[in-house]
């Protein structure tokens, strides 16, 4: 599958206090259709459907090699 056609879906929970880090959780994947629309496949549905982002998929490097 072409990586430019494949995206990740993220839920972002804002930091609880100023200066803290937001919590990011990958909750699914998306595919771009020929017309530019997206098909979404959720593995997890967060309790609130706010702060959802669809981003280009990035392969993670294997840190053990």
N, C-alpha and C. Protein backbone atom coordinates (compact mmCIF):
# COMPACT_ATOMS: atom_id res chain seq x y z
N UNK A 1 0.85 -1.19 0.00
CA UNK A 1 0.00 0.00 0.00
C UNK A 1 0.89 1.23 0.00
N UNK A 2 0.58 2.16 -0.84
CA UNK A 2 1.37 3.39 -0.91
C UNK A 2 1.21 4.20 0.38
N UNK A 3 2.34 4.65 0.93
CA UNK A 3 2.28 5.37 2.21
C UNK A 3 1.57 6.71 2.08
N UNK A 4 1.54 7.30 0.88
CA UNK A 4 0.83 8.57 0.72
C UNK A 4 -0.68 8.38 0.67
N UNK A 5 -1.13 7.12 0.58
CA UNK A 5 -2.55 6.80 0.56
C UNK A 5 -3.04 6.33 1.93
N UNK A 6 -2.13 6.20 2.89
CA UNK A 6 -2.38 5.60 4.19
C UNK A 6 -2.10 6.63 5.28
N UNK A 7 -3.03 6.80 6.19
CA UNK A 7 -2.87 7.79 7.26
C UNK A 7 -3.21 7.16 8.60
N UNK A 8 -2.74 7.77 9.68
CA UNK A 8 -3.05 7.33 11.03
C UNK A 8 -4.06 8.28 11.66
N UNK A 9 -4.92 7.75 12.51
CA UNK A 9 -5.89 8.57 13.24
C UNK A 9 -5.45 8.62 14.70
N UNK A 10 -5.35 9.83 15.24
CA UNK A 10 -4.87 10.06 16.60
C UNK A 10 -5.91 10.78 17.44
N UNK A 11 -6.03 10.36 18.70
CA UNK A 11 -6.79 11.09 19.71
C UNK A 11 -5.78 11.83 20.56
N UNK A 12 -5.99 13.11 20.76
CA UNK A 12 -5.07 13.93 21.55
C UNK A 12 -5.80 14.46 22.78
N UNK A 13 -5.31 14.06 23.95
CA UNK A 13 -5.86 14.57 25.20
C UNK A 13 -4.94 15.69 25.65
N UNK A 14 -5.46 16.91 25.79
CA UNK A 14 -4.62 18.05 26.18
C UNK A 14 -3.95 17.83 27.53
N UNK A 15 -2.83 18.52 27.73
CA UNK A 15 -2.12 18.45 29.00
C UNK A 15 -3.01 18.97 30.12
N UNK A 16 -2.90 18.36 31.29
CA UNK A 16 -3.73 18.77 32.43
C UNK A 16 -3.27 20.10 33.02
N UNK A 17 -1.99 20.38 32.91
CA UNK A 17 -1.49 21.65 33.44
C UNK A 17 -0.60 22.32 32.41
N UNK A 18 -0.48 23.60 32.51
CA UNK A 18 0.33 24.37 31.58
C UNK A 18 1.77 23.89 31.64
N UNK A 19 2.37 23.70 30.49
CA UNK A 19 3.73 23.22 30.41
C UNK A 19 3.83 21.71 30.37
N UNK A 20 2.70 21.01 30.60
CA UNK A 20 2.69 19.56 30.54
C UNK A 20 2.58 19.09 29.09
N UNK A 21 2.70 17.80 28.90
CA UNK A 21 2.61 17.23 27.55
C UNK A 21 1.23 16.66 27.30
N UNK A 22 0.77 16.83 26.08
CA UNK A 22 -0.49 16.22 25.68
C UNK A 22 -0.28 14.72 25.51
N UNK A 23 -1.35 13.94 25.68
CA UNK A 23 -1.30 12.50 25.52
C UNK A 23 -1.84 12.14 24.14
N UNK A 24 -1.05 11.43 23.34
CA UNK A 24 -1.45 11.03 22.00
C UNK A 24 -1.67 9.52 21.97
N UNK A 25 -2.79 9.10 21.40
CA UNK A 25 -3.11 7.69 21.29
C UNK A 25 -3.57 7.39 19.87
N UNK A 26 -2.88 6.48 19.20
CA UNK A 26 -3.29 6.09 17.85
C UNK A 26 -4.55 5.24 17.99
N UNK A 27 -5.63 5.66 17.32
CA UNK A 27 -6.92 4.98 17.48
C UNK A 27 -7.44 4.36 16.18
N UNK A 28 -6.68 4.46 15.10
CA UNK A 28 -7.13 3.84 13.86
C UNK A 28 -6.31 4.28 12.66
N UNK A 29 -6.83 3.94 11.49
CA UNK A 29 -6.16 4.27 10.23
C UNK A 29 -7.18 4.84 9.26
N UNK A 30 -6.67 5.50 8.23
CA UNK A 30 -7.52 6.08 7.20
C UNK A 30 -6.87 5.86 5.83
N UNK A 31 -7.70 5.73 4.81
CA UNK A 31 -7.21 5.61 3.45
C UNK A 31 -7.82 6.73 2.62
N UNK A 32 -7.01 7.32 1.75
CA UNK A 32 -7.48 8.38 0.87
C UNK A 32 -8.03 7.75 -0.41
N UNK A 33 -9.27 8.11 -0.74
CA UNK A 33 -9.90 7.63 -1.96
C UNK A 33 -9.45 8.46 -3.15
N UNK A 34 -9.75 7.98 -4.35
CA UNK A 34 -9.36 8.69 -5.58
C UNK A 34 -9.91 10.11 -5.63
N UNK A 35 -11.09 10.33 -5.02
CA UNK A 35 -11.70 11.67 -5.05
C UNK A 35 -11.25 12.55 -3.89
N UNK A 36 -10.28 12.06 -3.07
CA UNK A 36 -9.77 12.86 -1.96
C UNK A 36 -10.50 12.65 -0.64
N UNK A 37 -11.61 11.92 -0.67
CA UNK A 37 -12.33 11.63 0.58
C UNK A 37 -11.57 10.56 1.37
N UNK A 38 -11.96 10.36 2.62
CA UNK A 38 -11.26 9.42 3.49
C UNK A 38 -12.19 8.30 3.94
N UNK A 39 -11.67 7.08 4.01
CA UNK A 39 -12.33 5.97 4.70
C UNK A 39 -11.62 5.83 6.03
N UNK A 40 -12.37 5.83 7.13
CA UNK A 40 -11.81 5.75 8.47
C UNK A 40 -12.11 4.39 9.09
N UNK A 41 -11.10 3.79 9.72
CA UNK A 41 -11.28 2.53 10.44
C UNK A 41 -10.77 2.73 11.85
N UNK A 42 -11.67 2.79 12.81
CA UNK A 42 -11.30 3.01 14.21
C UNK A 42 -11.06 1.68 14.90
N UNK A 43 -9.95 1.56 15.61
CA UNK A 43 -9.67 0.41 16.46
C UNK A 43 -10.22 0.67 17.86
N UNK A 44 -10.25 1.93 18.24
CA UNK A 44 -10.72 2.37 19.55
C UNK A 44 -11.53 3.64 19.33
N UNK A 45 -12.63 3.77 20.04
CA UNK A 45 -13.41 5.00 19.97
C UNK A 45 -13.24 5.72 21.31
N UNK A 46 -12.63 6.91 21.31
CA UNK A 46 -12.42 7.62 22.57
C UNK A 46 -13.75 8.09 23.16
N UNK A 47 -13.77 8.35 24.46
CA UNK A 47 -15.01 8.77 25.12
C UNK A 47 -15.58 10.08 24.57
N UNK A 48 -14.72 10.93 24.06
CA UNK A 48 -15.16 12.20 23.46
C UNK A 48 -14.52 12.29 22.08
N UNK A 49 -15.31 12.55 21.07
CA UNK A 49 -14.79 12.63 19.71
C UNK A 49 -14.31 14.05 19.41
N UNK A 50 -13.53 14.58 20.29
CA UNK A 50 -12.91 15.89 20.06
C UNK A 50 -11.41 15.69 20.05
N UNK A 51 -10.70 16.60 19.48
CA UNK A 51 -9.24 16.52 19.36
C UNK A 51 -8.80 15.27 18.62
N UNK A 52 -9.41 15.01 17.47
CA UNK A 52 -9.03 13.89 16.61
C UNK A 52 -8.24 14.46 15.43
N UNK A 53 -7.11 13.82 15.10
CA UNK A 53 -6.32 14.26 13.96
C UNK A 53 -6.08 13.08 13.03
N UNK A 54 -6.07 13.36 11.73
CA UNK A 54 -5.67 12.39 10.72
C UNK A 54 -4.36 12.91 10.15
N UNK A 55 -3.31 12.09 10.28
CA UNK A 55 -1.97 12.50 9.85
C UNK A 55 -1.36 11.46 8.92
N UNK A 56 -0.44 11.91 8.08
CA UNK A 56 0.28 10.98 7.22
C UNK A 56 0.94 9.90 8.06
N UNK A 57 0.90 8.67 7.56
CA UNK A 57 1.52 7.55 8.26
C UNK A 57 3.04 7.67 8.16
N UNK A 58 3.72 7.46 9.28
CA UNK A 58 5.18 7.49 9.32
C UNK A 58 5.65 6.17 9.91
N UNK A 59 6.47 5.44 9.14
CA UNK A 59 7.03 4.18 9.64
C UNK A 59 8.01 4.49 10.76
N UNK A 60 7.88 3.77 11.86
CA UNK A 60 8.81 3.93 12.98
C UNK A 60 10.03 3.05 12.73
N UNK A 61 11.21 3.59 13.04
CA UNK A 61 12.43 2.82 12.91
C UNK A 61 12.52 1.80 14.03
N UNK A 62 13.06 0.64 13.73
CA UNK A 62 13.26 -0.38 14.76
C UNK A 62 14.43 0.03 15.62
N UNK A 63 14.19 0.34 16.87
CA UNK A 63 15.23 0.84 17.77
C UNK A 63 16.16 -0.25 18.27
N UNK A 64 15.85 -1.52 17.99
CA UNK A 64 16.65 -2.62 18.51
C UNK A 64 17.69 -3.11 17.50
N UNK A 65 17.73 -2.54 16.32
CA UNK A 65 18.73 -2.97 15.33
C UNK A 65 19.92 -2.06 15.35
